[in-house]
Amino acid sequence: MLDFWYSQRCNRQLKLIIIIAVCGGIYAASTVAKLGPIFVGVSLAIGILLHLLGEFRLKLSAQNPYADGFRALTMAIPIVAMITLIGYLPKTGHVWDTIALGLQCLGFVAIGLFIVSIYTKRAKRFED
């Protein structure tokens, strides 16, 4: 999925549609249960970390002896972080509340990734 997001096939219009859909999903899930600001901040940080790890992975050459291990690590760290974050969500007693909070966490991870990846790939306005 990340390879598609960073590829040339995913143009600006498609990225905008994806971002709007994710924001709509976050809004729909927030009508069921509200996610706390600490969880939002940690979710955004995980998304930013996901982007930074992906950038470092792309900078490693294929001949580097640590390239395969780092690729596995860049996939494992965000997954473990998301599972841990979802594990710390408040227990409300209703399954749908927990699902809504988990979807919001996943959506904010995506928003964190989107913000940083779009900002780093933006066109420069002025020549230095």
N, C-alpha and C. Protein backbone atom coordinates (compact mmCIF):
# COMPACT_ATOMS: atom_id res chain seq x y z
N MET A 1 0.83 -1.19 0.00
CA MET A 1 0.00 0.00 0.00
C MET A 1 0.87 1.25 0.00
N LEU A 2 1.93 1.22 0.79
CA LEU A 2 2.80 2.39 0.83
C LEU A 2 3.53 2.58 -0.49
N ASP A 3 3.86 1.47 -1.17
CA ASP A 3 4.51 1.60 -2.47
C ASP A 3 3.59 2.33 -3.45
N PHE A 4 2.30 2.03 -3.41
CA PHE A 4 1.35 2.73 -4.28
C PHE A 4 1.25 4.20 -3.91
N TRP A 5 1.24 4.51 -2.60
CA TRP A 5 1.10 5.90 -2.16
C TRP A 5 2.28 6.74 -2.65
N TYR A 6 3.47 6.16 -2.67
CA TYR A 6 4.66 6.91 -3.08
C TYR A 6 4.94 6.79 -4.58
N SER A 7 4.15 6.01 -5.32
CA SER A 7 4.41 5.84 -6.74
C SER A 7 3.84 7.00 -7.55
N GLN A 8 4.20 7.03 -8.83
CA GLN A 8 3.70 8.06 -9.74
C GLN A 8 2.25 7.80 -10.13
N ARG A 9 1.78 6.57 -9.98
CA ARG A 9 0.39 6.25 -10.32
C ARG A 9 -0.60 6.92 -9.39
N CYS A 10 -0.19 7.20 -8.16
CA CYS A 10 -1.08 7.87 -7.19
C CYS A 10 -0.89 9.37 -7.35
N ASN A 11 -1.71 9.97 -8.18
CA ASN A 11 -1.57 11.40 -8.46
C ASN A 11 -2.22 12.24 -7.37
N ARG A 12 -2.16 13.55 -7.51
CA ARG A 12 -2.67 14.46 -6.48
C ARG A 12 -4.16 14.33 -6.25
N GLN A 13 -4.92 14.13 -7.32
CA GLN A 13 -6.36 14.01 -7.19
C GLN A 13 -6.74 12.74 -6.42
N LEU A 14 -6.06 11.65 -6.72
CA LEU A 14 -6.33 10.40 -6.02
C LEU A 14 -5.95 10.51 -4.54
N LYS A 15 -4.85 11.18 -4.26
CA LYS A 15 -4.44 11.38 -2.87
C LYS A 15 -5.49 12.21 -2.12
N LEU A 16 -6.02 13.23 -2.78
CA LEU A 16 -7.04 14.05 -2.16
C LEU A 16 -8.30 13.24 -1.87
N ILE A 17 -8.70 12.39 -2.79
CA ILE A 17 -9.88 11.55 -2.58
C ILE A 17 -9.65 10.59 -1.42
N ILE A 18 -8.46 10.01 -1.34
CA ILE A 18 -8.15 9.10 -0.24
C ILE A 18 -8.17 9.83 1.10
N ILE A 19 -7.59 11.03 1.14
CA ILE A 19 -7.56 11.80 2.39
C ILE A 19 -8.98 12.18 2.83
N ILE A 20 -9.82 12.59 1.89
CA ILE A 20 -11.20 12.94 2.23
C ILE A 20 -11.95 11.71 2.74
N ALA A 21 -11.73 10.56 2.11
CA ALA A 21 -12.39 9.33 2.56
C ALA A 21 -11.94 8.94 3.97
N VAL A 22 -10.66 9.08 4.26
CA VAL A 22 -10.16 8.76 5.60
C VAL A 22 -10.74 9.72 6.63
N CYS A 23 -10.78 11.01 6.30
CA CYS A 23 -11.38 11.98 7.22
C CYS A 23 -12.86 11.69 7.45
N GLY A 24 -13.56 11.29 6.40
CA GLY A 24 -14.97 10.91 6.55
C GLY A 24 -15.13 9.69 7.43
N GLY A 25 -14.23 8.73 7.29
CA GLY A 25 -14.27 7.54 8.14
C GLY A 25 -13.99 7.88 9.60
N ILE A 26 -13.05 8.79 9.82
CA ILE A 26 -12.76 9.22 11.20
C ILE A 26 -13.97 9.92 11.79
N TYR A 27 -14.60 10.77 11.00
CA TYR A 27 -15.78 11.49 11.49
C TYR A 27 -16.93 10.52 11.80
N ALA A 28 -17.14 9.55 10.92
CA ALA A 28 -18.22 8.58 11.15
C ALA A 28 -17.94 7.75 12.41
N ALA A 29 -16.70 7.37 12.62
CA ALA A 29 -16.36 6.59 13.81
C ALA A 29 -16.44 7.45 15.07
N SER A 30 -16.20 8.74 14.94
CA SER A 30 -16.25 9.61 16.13
C SER A 30 -17.68 9.87 16.58
N THR A 31 -18.66 9.59 15.73
CA THR A 31 -20.04 9.73 16.18
C THR A 31 -20.43 8.61 17.14
N VAL A 32 -19.71 7.48 17.08
CA VAL A 32 -19.97 6.35 17.98
C VAL A 32 -19.24 6.56 19.30
N ALA A 33 -17.94 6.88 19.24
CA ALA A 33 -17.13 7.09 20.44
C ALA A 33 -16.02 8.08 20.12
N LYS A 34 -15.70 8.95 21.05
CA LYS A 34 -14.67 9.96 20.85
C LYS A 34 -13.32 9.41 21.30
N LEU A 35 -12.30 9.65 20.49
CA LEU A 35 -10.94 9.25 20.81
C LEU A 35 -10.26 10.39 21.57
N GLY A 36 -9.54 10.06 22.62
CA GLY A 36 -8.88 11.07 23.43
C GLY A 36 -7.72 11.72 22.70
N PRO A 37 -7.35 12.95 23.11
CA PRO A 37 -6.28 13.67 22.41
C PRO A 37 -4.92 12.99 22.52
N ILE A 38 -4.65 12.28 23.59
CA ILE A 38 -3.37 11.59 23.72
C ILE A 38 -3.27 10.48 22.68
N PHE A 39 -4.36 9.75 22.48
CA PHE A 39 -4.37 8.68 21.48
C PHE A 39 -4.26 9.27 20.07
N VAL A 40 -4.85 10.43 19.85
CA VAL A 40 -4.73 11.08 18.54
C VAL A 40 -3.27 11.45 18.29
N GLY A 41 -2.63 12.04 19.29
CA GLY A 41 -1.23 12.44 19.13
C GLY A 41 -0.31 11.25 18.91
N VAL A 42 -0.52 10.19 19.65
CA VAL A 42 0.31 8.99 19.47
C VAL A 42 0.06 8.38 18.09
N SER A 43 -1.19 8.37 17.65
CA SER A 43 -1.50 7.83 16.32
C SER A 43 -0.84 8.65 15.22
N LEU A 44 -0.88 9.98 15.34
CA LEU A 44 -0.20 10.83 14.37
C LEU A 44 1.30 10.58 14.38
N ALA A 45 1.87 10.39 15.56
CA ALA A 45 3.31 10.12 15.68
C ALA A 45 3.67 8.79 15.02
N ILE A 46 2.81 7.79 15.15
CA ILE A 46 3.07 6.51 14.49
C ILE A 46 3.05 6.68 12.98
N GLY A 47 2.13 7.50 12.46
CA GLY A 47 2.08 7.76 11.02
C GLY A 47 3.32 8.48 10.53
N ILE A 48 3.80 9.44 11.31
CA ILE A 48 5.03 10.15 10.95
C ILE A 48 6.21 9.20 10.99
N LEU A 49 6.26 8.34 12.02
CA LEU A 49 7.32 7.34 12.13
C LEU A 49 7.30 6.39 10.94
N LEU A 50 6.12 6.02 10.51
CA LEU A 50 5.97 5.13 9.36
C LEU A 50 6.60 5.76 8.12
N HIS A 51 6.36 7.06 7.92
CA HIS A 51 6.94 7.75 6.77
C HIS A 51 8.47 7.83 6.89
N LEU A 52 8.95 8.20 8.07
CA LEU A 52 10.40 8.35 8.25
C LEU A 52 11.13 7.02 8.07
N LEU A 53 10.57 5.95 8.59
CA LEU A 53 11.18 4.63 8.39
C LEU A 53 11.18 4.24 6.92
N GLY A 54 10.10 4.56 6.21
CA GLY A 54 10.05 4.28 4.78
C GLY A 54 11.07 5.07 3.99
N GLU A 55 11.29 6.32 4.38
CA GLU A 55 12.31 7.14 3.70
C GLU A 55 13.70 6.58 3.94
N PHE A 56 14.00 6.17 5.17
CA PHE A 56 15.30 5.58 5.46
C PHE A 56 15.49 4.27 4.71
N ARG A 57 14.42 3.50 4.59
CA ARG A 57 14.49 2.22 3.87
C ARG A 57 14.82 2.46 2.40
N LEU A 58 14.25 3.51 1.81
CA LEU A 58 14.52 3.80 0.40
C LEU A 58 15.94 4.29 0.18
N LYS A 59 16.53 4.91 1.19
CA LYS A 59 17.89 5.43 1.05
C LYS A 59 18.95 4.34 1.16
N LEU A 60 18.61 3.20 1.76
CA LEU A 60 19.57 2.10 1.85
C LEU A 60 19.73 1.44 0.50
N SER A 61 20.94 1.13 0.15
CA SER A 61 21.17 0.44 -1.11
C SER A 61 20.83 -1.04 -0.95
N ALA A 62 20.53 -1.68 -2.06
CA ALA A 62 20.16 -3.10 -2.02
C ALA A 62 21.35 -3.97 -1.64
N GLN A 63 22.57 -3.49 -1.84
CA GLN A 63 23.76 -4.26 -1.50
C GLN A 63 24.13 -4.15 -0.03
N ASN A 64 23.48 -3.28 0.69
CA ASN A 64 23.76 -3.14 2.12
C ASN A 64 23.38 -4.43 2.84
N PRO A 65 24.28 -4.94 3.70
CA PRO A 65 23.96 -6.21 4.37
C PRO A 65 22.78 -6.11 5.33
N TYR A 66 22.43 -4.91 5.74
CA TYR A 66 21.33 -4.74 6.67
C TYR A 66 20.02 -4.36 5.99
N ALA A 67 19.98 -4.33 4.68
CA ALA A 67 18.80 -3.86 3.95
C ALA A 67 17.59 -4.76 4.20
N ASP A 68 17.77 -6.06 4.15
CA ASP A 68 16.63 -6.97 4.35
C ASP A 68 16.11 -6.90 5.78
N GLY A 69 17.00 -6.85 6.74
CA GLY A 69 16.58 -6.74 8.13
C GLY A 69 15.88 -5.43 8.42
N PHE A 70 16.38 -4.35 7.82
CA PHE A 70 15.75 -3.04 8.04
C PHE A 70 14.39 -2.98 7.38
N ARG A 71 14.22 -3.63 6.24
CA ARG A 71 12.92 -3.66 5.58
C ARG A 71 11.89 -4.39 6.45
N ALA A 72 12.32 -5.51 7.04
CA ALA A 72 11.42 -6.24 7.93
C ALA A 72 11.11 -5.41 9.18
N LEU A 73 12.11 -4.70 9.66
CA LEU A 73 11.92 -3.86 10.85
C LEU A 73 10.97 -2.70 10.56
N THR A 74 11.06 -2.10 9.38
CA THR A 74 10.17 -0.99 9.05
C THR A 74 8.73 -1.44 8.88
N MET A 75 8.52 -2.70 8.61
CA MET A 75 7.15 -3.21 8.54
C MET A 75 6.65 -3.61 9.92
N ALA A 76 7.53 -4.12 10.76
CA ALA A 76 7.11 -4.64 12.06
C ALA A 76 6.86 -3.54 13.08
N ILE A 77 7.68 -2.50 13.10
CA ILE A 77 7.55 -1.46 14.13
C ILE A 77 6.19 -0.78 14.10
N PRO A 78 5.69 -0.30 12.95
CA PRO A 78 4.36 0.33 12.97
C PRO A 78 3.23 -0.62 13.34
N ILE A 79 3.34 -1.88 12.92
CA ILE A 79 2.29 -2.85 13.26
C ILE A 79 2.26 -3.09 14.76
N VAL A 80 3.43 -3.28 15.35
CA VAL A 80 3.50 -3.50 16.80
C VAL A 80 3.01 -2.26 17.55
N ALA A 81 3.39 -1.08 17.05
CA ALA A 81 2.95 0.16 17.70
C ALA A 81 1.43 0.31 17.63
N MET A 82 0.82 -0.03 16.50
CA MET A 82 -0.64 0.07 16.37
C MET A 82 -1.34 -0.94 17.27
N ILE A 83 -0.83 -2.16 17.32
CA ILE A 83 -1.45 -3.17 18.18
C ILE A 83 -1.35 -2.76 19.64
N THR A 84 -0.20 -2.22 20.03
CA THR A 84 -0.03 -1.75 21.40
C THR A 84 -0.97 -0.60 21.71
N LEU A 85 -1.09 0.34 20.78
CA LEU A 85 -1.98 1.48 20.98
C LEU A 85 -3.44 1.03 21.11
N ILE A 86 -3.86 0.14 20.25
CA ILE A 86 -5.23 -0.36 20.32
C ILE A 86 -5.45 -1.14 21.62
N GLY A 87 -4.41 -1.80 22.10
CA GLY A 87 -4.53 -2.52 23.37
C GLY A 87 -4.73 -1.59 24.56
N TYR A 88 -4.24 -0.36 24.46
CA TYR A 88 -4.39 0.60 25.55
C TYR A 88 -5.65 1.46 25.44
N LEU A 89 -6.47 1.23 24.43
CA LEU A 89 -7.70 2.00 24.30
C LEU A 89 -8.60 1.76 25.51
N PRO A 90 -9.36 2.78 25.92
CA PRO A 90 -10.23 2.58 27.08
C PRO A 90 -11.30 1.53 26.81
N LYS A 91 -11.54 0.71 27.79
CA LYS A 91 -12.57 -0.32 27.68
C LYS A 91 -13.92 0.28 28.06
N THR A 92 -14.83 0.32 27.10
CA THR A 92 -16.13 0.95 27.33
C THR A 92 -17.22 -0.07 27.60
N GLY A 93 -16.97 -1.30 27.34
CA GLY A 93 -17.99 -2.31 27.55
C GLY A 93 -18.74 -2.69 26.28
N HIS A 94 -18.72 -1.84 25.29
CA HIS A 94 -19.40 -2.13 24.03
C HIS A 94 -18.35 -2.43 22.96
N VAL A 95 -18.58 -3.45 22.18
CA VAL A 95 -17.63 -3.85 21.14
C VAL A 95 -17.55 -2.77 20.06
N TRP A 96 -18.69 -2.17 19.73
CA TRP A 96 -18.71 -1.18 18.66
C TRP A 96 -17.93 0.08 19.04
N ASP A 97 -17.92 0.43 20.31
CA ASP A 97 -17.12 1.57 20.75
C ASP A 97 -15.63 1.30 20.57
N THR A 98 -15.22 0.10 20.91
CA THR A 98 -13.81 -0.27 20.75
C THR A 98 -13.42 -0.31 19.28
N ILE A 99 -14.30 -0.81 18.44
CA ILE A 99 -14.02 -0.84 17.00
C ILE A 99 -13.94 0.58 16.46
N ALA A 100 -14.83 1.46 16.89
CA ALA A 100 -14.82 2.84 16.43
C ALA A 100 -13.54 3.55 16.87
N LEU A 101 -13.09 3.31 18.10
CA LEU A 101 -11.85 3.91 18.58
C LEU A 101 -10.65 3.38 17.81
N GLY A 102 -10.65 2.08 17.51
CA GLY A 102 -9.57 1.49 16.73
C GLY A 102 -9.52 2.04 15.31
N LEU A 103 -10.68 2.23 14.71
CA LEU A 103 -10.72 2.82 13.36
C LEU A 103 -10.22 4.26 13.37
N GLN A 104 -10.54 5.00 14.43
CA GLN A 104 -10.04 6.36 14.53
C GLN A 104 -8.52 6.36 14.68
N CYS A 105 -7.99 5.44 15.48
CA CYS A 105 -6.53 5.35 15.62
C CYS A 105 -5.88 5.05 14.27
N LEU A 106 -6.43 4.09 13.55
CA LEU A 106 -5.90 3.75 12.23
C LEU A 106 -6.01 4.93 11.27
N GLY A 107 -7.12 5.66 11.32
CA GLY A 107 -7.30 6.82 10.46
C GLY A 107 -6.31 7.93 10.78
N PHE A 108 -6.05 8.16 12.06
CA PHE A 108 -5.08 9.20 12.41
C PHE A 108 -3.65 8.79 12.08
N VAL A 109 -3.35 7.49 12.11
CA VAL A 109 -2.04 7.04 11.63
C VAL A 109 -1.91 7.37 10.15
N ALA A 110 -2.97 7.11 9.39
CA ALA A 110 -2.95 7.42 7.96
C ALA A 110 -2.82 8.93 7.73
N ILE A 111 -3.53 9.74 8.51
CA ILE A 111 -3.43 11.19 8.36
C ILE A 111 -2.02 11.68 8.65
N GLY A 112 -1.38 11.13 9.69
CA GLY A 112 0.01 11.49 9.99
C GLY A 112 0.93 11.16 8.84
N LEU A 113 0.75 9.99 8.25
CA LEU A 113 1.54 9.60 7.09
C LEU A 113 1.27 10.53 5.91
N PHE A 114 -0.01 10.84 5.67
CA PHE A 114 -0.37 11.68 4.53
C PHE A 114 0.23 13.07 4.65
N ILE A 115 0.14 13.66 5.82
CA ILE A 115 0.62 15.03 6.00
C ILE A 115 2.12 15.12 5.72
N VAL A 116 2.88 14.21 6.31
CA VAL A 116 4.33 14.28 6.16
C VAL A 116 4.74 13.92 4.74
N SER A 117 4.13 12.91 4.14
CA SER A 117 4.54 12.50 2.80
C SER A 117 4.18 13.55 1.76
N ILE A 118 3.06 14.20 1.91
CA ILE A 118 2.68 15.24 0.96
C ILE A 118 3.56 16.46 1.13
N TYR A 119 3.90 16.79 2.37
CA TYR A 119 4.74 17.96 2.62
C TYR A 119 6.14 17.77 2.04
N THR A 120 6.70 16.58 2.18
CA THR A 120 8.06 16.36 1.68
C THR A 120 8.12 16.30 0.16
N LYS A 121 7.02 15.95 -0.49
CA LYS A 121 7.00 15.83 -1.95
C LYS A 121 6.41 17.07 -2.65
N ARG A 122 6.15 18.11 -1.89
CA ARG A 122 5.51 19.28 -2.49
C ARG A 122 6.47 20.02 -3.40
N ALA A 123 5.91 20.78 -4.33
CA ALA A 123 6.72 21.57 -5.25
C ALA A 123 7.24 22.81 -4.52
N LYS A 124 8.47 23.13 -4.82
CA LYS A 124 9.08 24.32 -4.20
C LYS A 124 8.51 25.58 -4.85
N ARG A 125 8.21 26.57 -4.03
CA ARG A 125 7.62 27.79 -4.55
C ARG A 125 8.67 28.78 -5.04
N PHE A 126 9.79 28.81 -4.38
CA PHE A 126 10.82 29.78 -4.71
C PHE A 126 12.13 29.06 -4.97
N GLU A 127 12.90 29.63 -5.86
CA GLU A 127 14.24 29.11 -6.13
C GLU A 127 15.20 29.82 -5.20
N ASP A 128 16.08 29.05 -4.56
CA ASP A 128 17.07 29.67 -3.64
C ASP A 128 18.32 30.03 -4.38
